Amino acid sequence: VDVMETFWDTRPEDAPRVRANDATGRVRARDIRPPLGFDRVLVDAECTHDGSIKHIIKFSNAGRLDELASTVLRDSRSTTLPSLQLALLSRGFRLLRPGGTLVYSTCSMTLAQNEGVVAA
Protein backbone atom coordinates (compact mmCIF):
# COMPACT_ATOMS: atom_id res chain seq x y z
CA VAL A 1 0.00 0.00 0.00
CA ASP A 2 1.48 3.33 -1.01
CA VAL A 3 -0.18 6.08 0.96
CA MET A 4 2.46 8.72 0.33
CA GLU A 5 0.74 10.47 -2.56
CA THR A 6 0.78 13.96 -1.03
CA PHE A 7 2.26 16.66 -3.25
CA TRP A 8 4.26 19.68 -2.11
CA ASP A 9 5.24 22.60 -4.26
CA THR A 10 8.95 23.25 -4.02
CA ARG A 11 11.79 24.56 -6.08
CA PRO A 12 14.64 22.12 -6.71
CA GLU A 13 17.16 24.59 -5.27
CA ASP A 14 15.20 24.63 -1.99
CA ALA A 15 15.35 20.85 -1.65
CA PRO A 16 18.50 19.59 -3.36
CA ARG A 17 17.89 15.95 -2.39
CA VAL A 18 14.45 15.96 -4.00
CA ARG A 19 13.90 15.43 -7.70
CA ALA A 20 10.90 17.03 -9.33
CA ASN A 21 8.32 14.63 -10.74
CA ASP A 22 7.19 16.92 -13.50
CA ALA A 23 7.95 20.20 -15.24
CA THR A 24 6.11 22.23 -12.59
CA GLY A 25 8.63 21.31 -9.93
CA ARG A 26 6.10 19.41 -7.83
CA VAL A 27 7.39 16.45 -5.87
CA ARG A 28 5.74 13.55 -4.11
CA ALA A 29 6.24 13.17 -0.38
CA ARG A 30 7.47 9.63 -1.01
CA ASP A 31 10.42 11.07 -2.97
CA ILE A 32 11.62 13.18 -0.05
CA ARG A 33 14.17 11.31 2.02
CA PRO A 34 17.45 12.43 3.53
CA PRO A 35 20.39 10.26 2.43
CA LEU A 36 20.38 8.34 5.73
CA GLY A 37 16.65 8.51 6.45
CA PHE A 38 14.74 10.67 8.90
CA ASP A 39 15.76 11.07 12.56
CA ARG A 40 12.15 10.81 13.70
CA VAL A 41 9.04 9.36 12.07
CA LEU A 42 5.47 9.61 13.33
CA VAL A 43 3.01 7.02 12.02
CA ASP A 44 -0.44 8.30 13.01
CA ALA A 45 -2.36 5.42 11.48
CA GLU A 46 -5.97 5.31 10.33
CA CYS A 47 -8.03 3.44 12.91
CA THR A 48 -11.59 2.72 14.04
CA HIS A 49 -11.64 5.77 16.37
CA ASP A 50 -13.12 3.69 19.18
CA GLY A 51 -10.77 5.41 21.64
CA SER A 52 -11.56 8.93 20.47
CA ILE A 53 -13.87 10.37 23.11
CA LYS A 54 -14.22 13.60 21.10
CA HIS A 55 -15.34 11.60 18.03
CA ILE A 56 -17.85 9.57 20.03
CA ILE A 57 -19.26 12.70 21.75
CA LYS A 58 -19.65 14.39 18.35
CA PHE A 59 -21.83 11.54 17.07
CA SER A 60 -23.67 11.27 20.38
CA ASN A 61 -24.54 14.98 20.54
CA ALA A 62 -25.88 14.82 16.99
CA GLY A 63 -28.03 11.80 17.89
CA ARG A 64 -26.11 9.68 15.39
CA LEU A 65 -24.71 6.81 17.50
CA ASP A 66 -26.28 4.29 15.09
CA GLU A 67 -24.31 5.92 12.27
CA LEU A 68 -21.13 5.73 14.34
CA ALA A 69 -21.67 2.03 14.92
CA SER A 70 -22.54 1.26 11.31
CA THR A 71 -19.71 3.23 9.68
CA VAL A 72 -16.77 3.99 11.93
CA LEU A 73 -17.01 1.02 14.30
CA ARG A 74 -18.25 -1.64 11.85
CA ASP A 75 -16.67 -5.07 12.17
CA SER A 76 -15.24 -5.13 8.65
CA ARG A 77 -13.07 -2.07 9.42
CA SER A 78 -11.58 -3.75 12.48
CA THR A 79 -10.53 -6.72 10.37
CA THR A 80 -9.16 -4.77 7.37
CA LEU A 81 -7.46 -1.86 9.14
CA PRO A 82 -4.60 -3.83 10.73
CA SER A 83 -3.18 -4.67 7.29
CA LEU A 84 -3.24 -0.97 6.31
CA GLN A 85 -1.75 -0.03 9.66
CA LEU A 86 1.04 -2.59 9.21
CA ALA A 87 1.77 -1.20 5.74
CA LEU A 88 1.97 2.33 7.20
CA LEU A 89 4.25 1.15 10.00
CA SER A 90 6.50 -0.70 7.54
CA ARG A 91 6.73 2.44 5.39
CA GLY A 92 7.64 4.44 8.49
CA PHE A 93 10.51 2.09 9.27
CA ARG A 94 11.78 2.32 5.69
CA LEU A 95 11.92 6.12 6.06
CA LEU A 96 13.73 5.97 9.42
CA ARG A 97 17.50 6.24 9.71
CA PRO A 98 19.34 3.61 11.76
CA GLY A 99 19.11 4.60 15.42
CA GLY A 100 16.17 6.95 14.73
CA THR A 101 12.91 7.09 16.67
CA LEU A 102 9.57 5.92 15.31
CA VAL A 103 6.27 6.59 17.10
CA TYR A 104 3.23 4.54 16.09
CA SER A 105 -0.12 5.90 17.25
CA THR A 106 -3.82 5.26 16.78
CA CYS A 107 -6.87 6.48 18.67
CA SER A 108 -8.12 2.92 18.94
CA MET A 109 -8.01 0.94 22.16
CA THR A 110 -8.08 -2.48 20.46
CA LEU A 111 -5.15 -4.84 20.78
CA ALA A 112 -5.41 -5.79 17.09
CA GLN A 113 -4.80 -2.20 15.95
CA ASN A 114 -2.01 -1.47 18.43
CA GLU A 115 0.00 -4.28 20.00
CA GLY A 116 -1.07 -6.66 17.23
CA VAL A 117 0.30 -4.42 14.49
CA VAL A 118 3.53 -3.68 16.35
CA ALA A 119 4.08 -7.38 17.10
CA ALA A 120 3.59 -8.32 13.44
C-alpha atoms as a PDB file:
ATOM      1  CA  VAL A   1       0.000   0.000   0.000  1.00  0.00           C
ATOM      2  CA  ASP A   2       1.483   3.332  -1.008  1.00  0.00           C
ATOM      3  CA  VAL A   3      -0.183   6.081   0.960  1.00  0.00           C
ATOM      4  CA  MET A   4       2.465   8.716   0.332  1.00  0.00           C
ATOM      5  CA  GLU A   5       0.743  10.471  -2.560  1.00  0.00           C
ATOM      6  CA  THR A   6       0.780  13.961  -1.028  1.00  0.00           C
ATOM      7  CA  PHE A   7       2.264  16.665  -3.246  1.00  0.00           C
ATOM      8  CA  TRP A   8       4.261  19.677  -2.107  1.00  0.00           C
ATOM      9  CA  ASP A   9       5.237  22.602  -4.262  1.00  0.00           C
ATOM     10  CA  THR A  10       8.954  23.246  -4.022  1.00  0.00           C
ATOM     11  CA  ARG A  11      11.788  24.564  -6.081  1.00  0.00           C
ATOM     12  CA  PRO A  12      14.637  22.122  -6.712  1.00  0.00           C
ATOM     13  CA  GLU A  13      17.161  24.591  -5.272  1.00  0.00           C
ATOM     14  CA  ASP A  14      15.196  24.629  -1.994  1.00  0.00           C
ATOM     15  CA  ALA A  15      15.348  20.854  -1.649  1.00  0.00           C
ATOM     16  CA  PRO A  16      18.498  19.588  -3.363  1.00  0.00           C
ATOM     17  CA  ARG A  17      17.893  15.954  -2.392  1.00  0.00           C
ATOM     18  CA  VAL A  18      14.453  15.960  -4.000  1.00  0.00           C
ATOM     19  CA  ARG A  19      13.902  15.428  -7.696  1.00  0.00           C
ATOM     20  CA  ALA A  20      10.904  17.031  -9.335  1.00  0.00           C
ATOM     21  CA  ASN A  21       8.322  14.626 -10.741  1.00  0.00           C
ATOM     22  CA  ASP A  22       7.195  16.922 -13.505  1.00  0.00           C
ATOM     23  CA  ALA A  23       7.953  20.201 -15.238  1.00  0.00           C
ATOM     24  CA  THR A  24       6.111  22.230 -12.594  1.00  0.00           C
ATOM     25  CA  GLY A  25       8.634  21.307  -9.927  1.00  0.00           C
ATOM     26  CA  ARG A  26       6.097  19.408  -7.833  1.00  0.00           C
ATOM     27  CA  VAL A  27       7.389  16.446  -5.874  1.00  0.00           C
ATOM     28  CA  ARG A  28       5.742  13.552  -4.106  1.00  0.00           C
ATOM     29  CA  ALA A  29       6.236  13.171  -0.376  1.00  0.00           C
ATOM     30  CA  ARG A  30       7.467   9.632  -1.007  1.00  0.00           C
ATOM     31  CA  ASP A  31      10.416  11.066  -2.975  1.00  0.00           C
ATOM     32  CA  ILE A  32      11.617  13.179  -0.045  1.00  0.00           C
ATOM     33  CA  ARG A  33      14.173  11.314   2.017  1.00  0.00           C
ATOM     34  CA  PRO A  34      17.450  12.431   3.531  1.00  0.00           C
ATOM     35  CA  PRO A  35      20.388  10.259   2.427  1.00  0.00           C
ATOM     36  CA  LEU A  36      20.379   8.337   5.727  1.00  0.00           C
ATOM     37  CA  GLY A  37      16.651   8.513   6.454  1.00  0.00           C
ATOM     38  CA  PHE A  38      14.740  10.674   8.901  1.00  0.00           C
ATOM     39  CA  ASP A  39      15.763  11.074  12.555  1.00  0.00           C
ATOM     40  CA  ARG A  40      12.149  10.807  13.696  1.00  0.00           C
ATOM     41  CA  VAL A  41       9.044   9.357  12.066  1.00  0.00           C
ATOM     42  CA  LEU A  42       5.468   9.605  13.331  1.00  0.00           C
ATOM     43  CA  VAL A  43       3.007   7.020  12.024  1.00  0.00           C
ATOM     44  CA  ASP A  44      -0.444   8.300  13.013  1.00  0.00           C
ATOM     45  CA  ALA A  45      -2.356   5.418  11.476  1.00  0.00           C
ATOM     46  CA  GLU A  46      -5.966   5.307  10.327  1.00  0.00           C
ATOM     47  CA  CYS A  47      -8.032   3.440  12.909  1.00  0.00           C
ATOM     48  CA  THR A  48     -11.595   2.718  14.039  1.00  0.00           C
ATOM     49  CA  HIS A  49     -11.643   5.773  16.365  1.00  0.00           C
ATOM     50  CA  ASP A  50     -13.122   3.694  19.183  1.00  0.00           C
ATOM     51  CA  GLY A  51     -10.770   5.407  21.639  1.00  0.00           C
ATOM     52  CA  SER A  52     -11.560   8.930  20.466  1.00  0.00           C
ATOM     53  CA  ILE A  53     -13.869  10.369  23.106  1.00  0.00           C
ATOM     54  CA  LYS A  54     -14.224  13.599  21.100  1.00  0.00           C
ATOM     55  CA  HIS A  55     -15.339  11.603  18.033  1.00  0.00           C
ATOM     56  CA  ILE A  56     -17.853   9.568  20.033  1.00  0.00           C
ATOM     57  CA  ILE A  57     -19.256  12.697  21.749  1.00  0.00           C
ATOM     58  CA  LYS A  58     -19.651  14.393  18.352  1.00  0.00           C
ATOM     59  CA  PHE A  59     -21.831  11.536  17.071  1.00  0.00           C
ATOM     60  CA  SER A  60     -23.673  11.274  20.383  1.00  0.00           C
ATOM     61  CA  ASN A  61     -24.537  14.981  20.538  1.00  0.00           C
ATOM     62  CA  ALA A  62     -25.877  14.821  16.988  1.00  0.00           C
ATOM     63  CA  GLY A  63     -28.031  11.804  17.894  1.00  0.00           C
ATOM     64  CA  ARG A  64     -26.107   9.683  15.388  1.00  0.00           C
ATOM     65  CA  LEU A  65     -24.715   6.809  17.501  1.00  0.00           C
ATOM     66  CA  ASP A  66     -26.277   4.293  15.089  1.00  0.00           C
ATOM     67  CA  GLU A  67     -24.315   5.916  12.265  1.00  0.00           C
ATOM     68  CA  LEU A  68     -21.133   5.731  14.342  1.00  0.00           C
ATOM     69  CA  ALA A  69     -21.671   2.027  14.923  1.00  0.00           C
ATOM     70  CA  SER A  70     -22.539   1.262  11.308  1.00  0.00           C
ATOM     71  CA  THR A  71     -19.710   3.232   9.684  1.00  0.00           C
ATOM     72  CA  VAL A  72     -16.766   3.994  11.934  1.00  0.00           C
ATOM     73  CA  LEU A  73     -17.009   1.020  14.295  1.00  0.00           C
ATOM     74  CA  ARG A  74     -18.248  -1.635  11.852  1.00  0.00           C
ATOM     75  CA  ASP A  75     -16.670  -5.074  12.168  1.00  0.00           C
ATOM     76  CA  SER A  76     -15.241  -5.130   8.646  1.00  0.00           C
ATOM     77  CA  ARG A  77     -13.066  -2.067   9.420  1.00  0.00           C
ATOM     78  CA  SER A  78     -11.582  -3.746  12.480  1.00  0.00           C
ATOM     79  CA  THR A  79     -10.534  -6.718  10.369  1.00  0.00           C
ATOM     80  CA  THR A  80      -9.163  -4.767   7.373  1.00  0.00           C
ATOM     81  CA  LEU A  81      -7.464  -1.858   9.137  1.00  0.00           C
ATOM     82  CA  PRO A  82      -4.599  -3.828  10.726  1.00  0.00           C
ATOM     83  CA  SER A  83      -3.176  -4.666   7.286  1.00  0.00           C
ATOM     84  CA  LEU A  84      -3.242  -0.971   6.305  1.00  0.00           C
ATOM     85  CA  GLN A  85      -1.746  -0.031   9.661  1.00  0.00           C
ATOM     86  CA  LEU A  86       1.038  -2.588   9.210  1.00  0.00           C
ATOM     87  CA  ALA A  87       1.766  -1.196   5.739  1.00  0.00           C
ATOM     88  CA  LEU A  88       1.971   2.333   7.199  1.00  0.00           C
ATOM     89  CA  LEU A  89       4.246   1.147   9.997  1.00  0.00           C
ATOM     90  CA  SER A  90       6.502  -0.697   7.539  1.00  0.00           C
ATOM     91  CA  ARG A  91       6.731   2.439   5.387  1.00  0.00           C
ATOM     92  CA  GLY A  92       7.635   4.444   8.488  1.00  0.00           C
ATOM     93  CA  PHE A  93      10.506   2.093   9.274  1.00  0.00           C
ATOM     94  CA  ARG A  94      11.778   2.317   5.691  1.00  0.00           C
ATOM     95  CA  LEU A  95      11.917   6.119   6.062  1.00  0.00           C
ATOM     96  CA  LEU A  96      13.732   5.970   9.421  1.00  0.00           C
ATOM     97  CA  ARG A  97      17.495   6.238   9.705  1.00  0.00           C
ATOM     98  CA  PRO A  98      19.342   3.606  11.764  1.00  0.00           C
ATOM     99  CA  GLY A  99      19.108   4.602  15.418  1.00  0.00           C
ATOM    100  CA  GLY A 100      16.167   6.945  14.728  1.00  0.00           C
ATOM    101  CA  THR A 101      12.910   7.095  16.670  1.00  0.00           C
ATOM    102  CA  LEU A 102       9.566   5.919  15.309  1.00  0.00           C
ATOM    103  CA  VAL A 103       6.274   6.592  17.102  1.00  0.00           C
ATOM    104  CA  TYR A 104       3.225   4.537  16.094  1.00  0.00           C
ATOM    105  CA  SER A 105      -0.122   5.896  17.246  1.00  0.00           C
ATOM    106  CA  THR A 106      -3.817   5.263  16.779  1.00  0.00           C
ATOM    107  CA  CYS A 107      -6.869   6.483  18.665  1.00  0.00           C
ATOM    108  CA  SER A 108      -8.116   2.920  18.943  1.00  0.00           C
ATOM    109  CA  MET A 109      -8.005   0.936  22.155  1.00  0.00           C
ATOM    110  CA  THR A 110      -8.080  -2.477  20.456  1.00  0.00           C
ATOM    111  CA  LEU A 111      -5.145  -4.838  20.776  1.00  0.00           C
ATOM    112  CA  ALA A 112      -5.414  -5.792  17.094  1.00  0.00           C
ATOM    113  CA  GLN A 113      -4.797  -2.203  15.949  1.00  0.00           C
ATOM    114  CA  ASN A 114      -2.007  -1.471  18.428  1.00  0.00           C
ATOM    115  CA  GLU A 115       0.001  -4.284  20.004  1.00  0.00           C
ATOM    116  CA  GLY A 116      -1.072  -6.662  17.230  1.00  0.00           C
ATOM    117  CA  VAL A 117       0.302  -4.415  14.492  1.00  0.00           C
ATOM    118  CA  VAL A 118       3.530  -3.678  16.349  1.00  0.00           C
ATOM    119  CA  ALA A 119       4.082  -7.375  17.104  1.00  0.00           C
ATOM    120  CA  ALA A 120       3.589  -8.315  13.438  1.00  0.00           C
END
